[in-house]
N, C-alpha and C. Protein backbone atom coordinates (compact mmCIF):
# COMPACT_ATOMS: atom_id res chain seq x y z
N UNK A 1 -23.31 7.44 -15.46
CA UNK A 1 -22.08 6.68 -15.39
C UNK A 1 -20.96 7.43 -16.10
N UNK A 2 -19.80 7.30 -15.54
CA UNK A 2 -18.65 7.99 -16.09
C UNK A 2 -18.23 7.39 -17.42
N UNK A 3 -17.86 8.26 -18.34
CA UNK A 3 -17.39 7.78 -19.63
C UNK A 3 -16.01 7.18 -19.49
N UNK A 4 -15.80 6.07 -20.15
CA UNK A 4 -14.48 5.45 -20.13
C UNK A 4 -13.72 5.95 -21.35
N UNK A 5 -12.81 6.86 -21.10
CA UNK A 5 -12.00 7.44 -22.16
C UNK A 5 -10.53 7.42 -21.74
N UNK A 6 -9.69 8.10 -22.45
CA UNK A 6 -8.26 8.07 -22.18
C UNK A 6 -7.93 8.64 -20.79
N UNK A 7 -8.58 9.69 -20.39
CA UNK A 7 -8.34 10.28 -19.08
C UNK A 7 -8.75 9.32 -17.97
N UNK A 8 -9.88 8.66 -18.13
CA UNK A 8 -10.34 7.69 -17.13
C UNK A 8 -9.34 6.54 -17.00
N UNK A 9 -8.82 6.06 -18.15
CA UNK A 9 -7.87 4.96 -18.11
C UNK A 9 -6.58 5.36 -17.40
N UNK A 10 -6.10 6.57 -17.62
CA UNK A 10 -4.89 7.06 -16.97
C UNK A 10 -5.11 7.16 -15.45
N UNK A 11 -6.25 7.70 -15.05
CA UNK A 11 -6.56 7.80 -13.61
C UNK A 11 -6.68 6.42 -12.99
N UNK A 12 -7.31 5.50 -13.70
CA UNK A 12 -7.48 4.14 -13.20
C UNK A 12 -6.12 3.45 -13.06
N UNK A 13 -5.25 3.65 -14.05
CA UNK A 13 -3.91 3.08 -14.00
C UNK A 13 -3.14 3.62 -12.79
N UNK A 14 -3.23 4.91 -12.55
CA UNK A 14 -2.54 5.51 -11.40
C UNK A 14 -3.11 4.99 -10.09
N UNK A 15 -4.43 4.83 -10.00
CA UNK A 15 -5.06 4.34 -8.78
C UNK A 15 -4.60 2.91 -8.47
N UNK A 16 -4.55 2.07 -9.49
CA UNK A 16 -4.09 0.69 -9.29
C UNK A 16 -2.61 0.64 -8.93
N UNK A 17 -1.80 1.46 -9.58
CA UNK A 17 -0.37 1.50 -9.28
C UNK A 17 -0.14 1.93 -7.84
N UNK A 18 -0.86 2.93 -7.40
CA UNK A 18 -0.74 3.42 -6.02
C UNK A 18 -1.15 2.33 -5.03
N UNK A 19 -2.23 1.63 -5.32
CA UNK A 19 -2.68 0.56 -4.43
C UNK A 19 -1.65 -0.57 -4.36
N UNK A 20 -1.05 -0.91 -5.49
CA UNK A 20 -0.03 -1.96 -5.50
C UNK A 20 1.20 -1.54 -4.72
N UNK A 21 1.59 -0.29 -4.85
CA UNK A 21 2.76 0.20 -4.12
C UNK A 21 2.48 0.26 -2.61
N UNK A 22 1.29 0.66 -2.22
CA UNK A 22 0.93 0.69 -0.79
C UNK A 22 0.95 -0.73 -0.22
N UNK A 23 0.43 -1.66 -0.97
CA UNK A 23 0.43 -3.06 -0.52
C UNK A 23 1.85 -3.60 -0.41
N UNK A 24 2.68 -3.29 -1.37
CA UNK A 24 4.08 -3.74 -1.31
C UNK A 24 4.82 -3.11 -0.15
N UNK A 25 4.57 -1.83 0.10
CA UNK A 25 5.24 -1.14 1.21
C UNK A 25 4.81 -1.71 2.55
N UNK A 26 3.57 -2.18 2.64
CA UNK A 26 3.07 -2.74 3.90
C UNK A 26 3.77 -4.06 4.23
N UNK A 27 4.11 -4.84 3.21
CA UNK A 27 4.72 -6.15 3.44
C UNK A 27 6.24 -6.16 3.34
N UNK A 28 6.83 -5.03 3.00
CA UNK A 28 8.28 -4.99 2.82
C UNK A 28 8.91 -4.27 4.00
N UNK A 29 9.79 -4.96 4.73
CA UNK A 29 10.41 -4.37 5.91
C UNK A 29 11.52 -3.40 5.54
N UNK A 30 12.36 -3.79 4.61
CA UNK A 30 13.46 -2.92 4.21
C UNK A 30 13.80 -3.19 2.75
N UNK A 31 14.53 -2.25 2.14
CA UNK A 31 14.94 -2.41 0.75
C UNK A 31 16.19 -1.60 0.49
N UNK A 32 16.85 -1.95 -0.57
CA UNK A 32 18.02 -1.19 -1.02
C UNK A 32 17.56 -0.22 -2.10
N UNK A 33 17.88 1.05 -1.94
CA UNK A 33 17.49 2.03 -2.95
C UNK A 33 18.51 2.06 -4.08
N UNK A 34 18.32 2.95 -5.04
CA UNK A 34 19.18 3.00 -6.23
C UNK A 34 20.63 3.37 -5.90
N UNK A 35 20.85 4.12 -4.80
CA UNK A 35 22.20 4.53 -4.41
C UNK A 35 22.91 3.48 -3.57
N UNK A 36 22.22 2.42 -3.17
CA UNK A 36 22.82 1.37 -2.37
C UNK A 36 22.60 1.54 -0.88
N UNK A 37 21.73 2.47 -0.49
CA UNK A 37 21.44 2.67 0.93
C UNK A 37 20.28 1.79 1.36
N UNK A 38 20.33 1.34 2.61
CA UNK A 38 19.28 0.52 3.16
C UNK A 38 18.17 1.41 3.73
N UNK A 39 16.95 1.19 3.28
CA UNK A 39 15.81 1.97 3.74
C UNK A 39 14.88 1.03 4.51
N UNK A 40 14.65 1.34 5.79
CA UNK A 40 13.75 0.51 6.59
C UNK A 40 12.35 1.11 6.56
N UNK A 41 11.35 0.23 6.46
CA UNK A 41 9.94 0.63 6.39
C UNK A 41 9.73 1.71 5.34
N UNK A 42 9.91 1.38 4.07
CA UNK A 42 9.80 2.39 3.00
C UNK A 42 8.36 2.87 2.81
N UNK A 43 8.22 4.12 2.45
CA UNK A 43 6.92 4.69 2.11
C UNK A 43 6.65 4.34 0.65
N UNK A 44 5.38 4.30 0.28
CA UNK A 44 5.07 3.87 -1.09
C UNK A 44 5.61 4.84 -2.12
N UNK A 45 5.83 6.12 -1.74
CA UNK A 45 6.45 7.06 -2.68
C UNK A 45 7.84 6.59 -3.07
N UNK A 46 8.60 6.10 -2.07
CA UNK A 46 9.96 5.64 -2.33
C UNK A 46 9.96 4.42 -3.24
N UNK A 47 9.00 3.55 -3.08
CA UNK A 47 8.91 2.39 -3.96
C UNK A 47 8.52 2.80 -5.38
N UNK A 48 7.62 3.75 -5.50
CA UNK A 48 7.14 4.17 -6.82
C UNK A 48 8.24 4.87 -7.62
N UNK A 49 9.17 5.51 -6.93
CA UNK A 49 10.25 6.23 -7.61
C UNK A 49 11.29 5.30 -8.22
N UNK A 50 11.38 4.08 -7.72
CA UNK A 50 12.41 3.16 -8.21
C UNK A 50 12.07 2.62 -9.59
N UNK A 51 13.09 2.48 -10.42
CA UNK A 51 12.89 2.02 -11.79
C UNK A 51 12.41 0.58 -11.86
N UNK A 52 12.87 -0.26 -10.93
CA UNK A 52 12.51 -1.68 -11.00
C UNK A 52 11.05 -1.94 -10.67
N UNK A 53 10.35 -0.98 -10.09
CA UNK A 53 8.94 -1.15 -9.76
C UNK A 53 8.02 -0.63 -10.86
N UNK A 54 8.59 -0.23 -11.98
CA UNK A 54 7.79 0.27 -13.10
C UNK A 54 6.86 -0.81 -13.64
N UNK A 55 7.26 -2.07 -13.50
CA UNK A 55 6.45 -3.19 -14.01
C UNK A 55 5.07 -3.21 -13.36
N UNK A 56 4.94 -2.70 -12.14
CA UNK A 56 3.66 -2.72 -11.44
C UNK A 56 2.66 -1.71 -12.00
N UNK A 57 3.09 -0.85 -12.92
CA UNK A 57 2.14 0.07 -13.55
C UNK A 57 1.22 -0.65 -14.51
N UNK A 58 1.70 -1.71 -15.11
CA UNK A 58 0.90 -2.39 -16.12
C UNK A 58 0.36 -3.74 -15.67
N UNK A 59 0.94 -4.32 -14.63
CA UNK A 59 0.49 -5.63 -14.20
C UNK A 59 0.65 -5.78 -12.69
N UNK A 60 -0.15 -6.64 -12.09
CA UNK A 60 -0.10 -6.84 -10.65
C UNK A 60 1.05 -7.72 -10.22
N UNK A 61 1.47 -8.65 -11.07
CA UNK A 61 2.59 -9.53 -10.74
C UNK A 61 3.68 -9.37 -11.79
N UNK A 62 4.91 -9.21 -11.38
CA UNK A 62 5.98 -9.00 -12.35
C UNK A 62 6.30 -10.24 -13.17
N UNK A 63 6.10 -11.42 -12.62
CA UNK A 63 6.35 -12.64 -13.38
C UNK A 63 5.40 -13.73 -12.92
N UNK A 64 5.50 -14.91 -13.48
CA UNK A 64 4.55 -15.97 -13.16
C UNK A 64 5.12 -17.02 -12.22
N UNK A 65 6.22 -16.72 -11.53
CA UNK A 65 6.79 -17.70 -10.62
C UNK A 65 5.93 -17.80 -9.36
N UNK A 66 6.13 -18.84 -8.58
CA UNK A 66 5.29 -19.07 -7.40
C UNK A 66 5.52 -18.04 -6.31
N UNK A 67 6.69 -17.41 -6.29
CA UNK A 67 6.96 -16.39 -5.27
C UNK A 67 6.20 -15.10 -5.59
N UNK A 68 6.23 -14.67 -6.84
CA UNK A 68 5.57 -13.42 -7.23
C UNK A 68 4.05 -13.55 -7.27
N UNK A 69 3.56 -14.73 -7.64
CA UNK A 69 2.11 -14.92 -7.75
C UNK A 69 1.44 -14.88 -6.39
N UNK A 70 2.07 -15.40 -5.39
CA UNK A 70 1.46 -15.46 -4.08
C UNK A 70 0.47 -16.61 -3.99
N UNK A 71 -0.31 -16.62 -2.93
CA UNK A 71 -1.24 -17.71 -2.72
C UNK A 71 -2.54 -17.43 -3.46
N UNK A 72 -3.04 -18.44 -4.16
CA UNK A 72 -4.30 -18.27 -4.87
C UNK A 72 -5.45 -18.73 -3.98
N UNK A 73 -6.58 -18.14 -4.17
CA UNK A 73 -7.76 -18.42 -3.35
C UNK A 73 -8.81 -19.09 -4.23
N UNK A 74 -9.24 -20.26 -3.82
CA UNK A 74 -10.26 -20.99 -4.55
C UNK A 74 -11.48 -21.10 -3.63
N UNK A 75 -12.56 -20.48 -3.98
CA UNK A 75 -13.75 -20.42 -3.13
C UNK A 75 -14.37 -21.80 -2.93
N UNK A 76 -14.43 -22.58 -3.97
CA UNK A 76 -15.03 -23.91 -3.86
C UNK A 76 -14.23 -24.81 -2.92
N UNK A 77 -12.92 -24.78 -3.05
CA UNK A 77 -12.07 -25.58 -2.18
C UNK A 77 -12.19 -25.12 -0.73
N UNK A 78 -12.30 -23.83 -0.53
CA UNK A 78 -12.45 -23.29 0.82
C UNK A 78 -13.76 -23.77 1.45
N UNK A 79 -14.83 -23.76 0.66
CA UNK A 79 -16.13 -24.23 1.16
C UNK A 79 -16.08 -25.72 1.50
N UNK A 80 -15.45 -26.52 0.63
CA UNK A 80 -15.33 -27.95 0.89
C UNK A 80 -14.53 -28.20 2.16
N UNK A 81 -13.45 -27.49 2.32
CA UNK A 81 -12.60 -27.65 3.51
C UNK A 81 -13.36 -27.25 4.77
N UNK A 82 -14.12 -26.16 4.69
CA UNK A 82 -14.90 -25.71 5.84
C UNK A 82 -15.96 -26.74 6.21
N UNK A 83 -16.65 -27.27 5.23
CA UNK A 83 -17.66 -28.31 5.49
C UNK A 83 -17.02 -29.54 6.12
N UNK A 84 -15.84 -29.93 5.63
CA UNK A 84 -15.16 -31.09 6.16
C UNK A 84 -14.77 -30.88 7.63
N UNK A 85 -14.26 -29.69 7.94
CA UNK A 85 -13.87 -29.38 9.32
C UNK A 85 -15.08 -29.38 10.25
N UNK A 86 -16.19 -28.79 9.79
CA UNK A 86 -17.41 -28.77 10.60
C UNK A 86 -17.95 -30.18 10.81
N UNK A 87 -17.93 -30.98 9.76
CA UNK A 87 -18.41 -32.36 9.85
C UNK A 87 -17.57 -33.18 10.84
N UNK A 88 -16.25 -32.98 10.79
CA UNK A 88 -15.36 -33.70 11.72
C UNK A 88 -15.57 -33.27 13.16
N UNK A 89 -15.83 -31.97 13.34
CA UNK A 89 -16.02 -31.47 14.71
C UNK A 89 -17.35 -31.95 15.31
N UNK A 90 -18.35 -32.20 14.46
CA UNK A 90 -19.65 -32.67 14.96
C UNK A 90 -19.63 -34.16 15.30
N UNK A 91 -18.74 -34.91 14.69
CA UNK A 91 -18.67 -36.36 14.93
C UNK A 91 -17.95 -36.69 16.21
């Protein structure tokens, strides 16, 4: 197993940051860059270069509001809902 040291943490941080930027780029149609130009379908490199996206290096969500958090997934509720739907369809 790989040792967890400072180098591993830096690589892990970069891997997570890259994944977050790729995910954001996939869901973002256009954005305004630092110079005020409109960029359509930005590449994750362009998002990573912006200063306002620095927050994603340390955390997955920039704040705790309902827009930034996104939809939460509850496995138990999903199972209950699925059972209810199946039960209704059988009756």
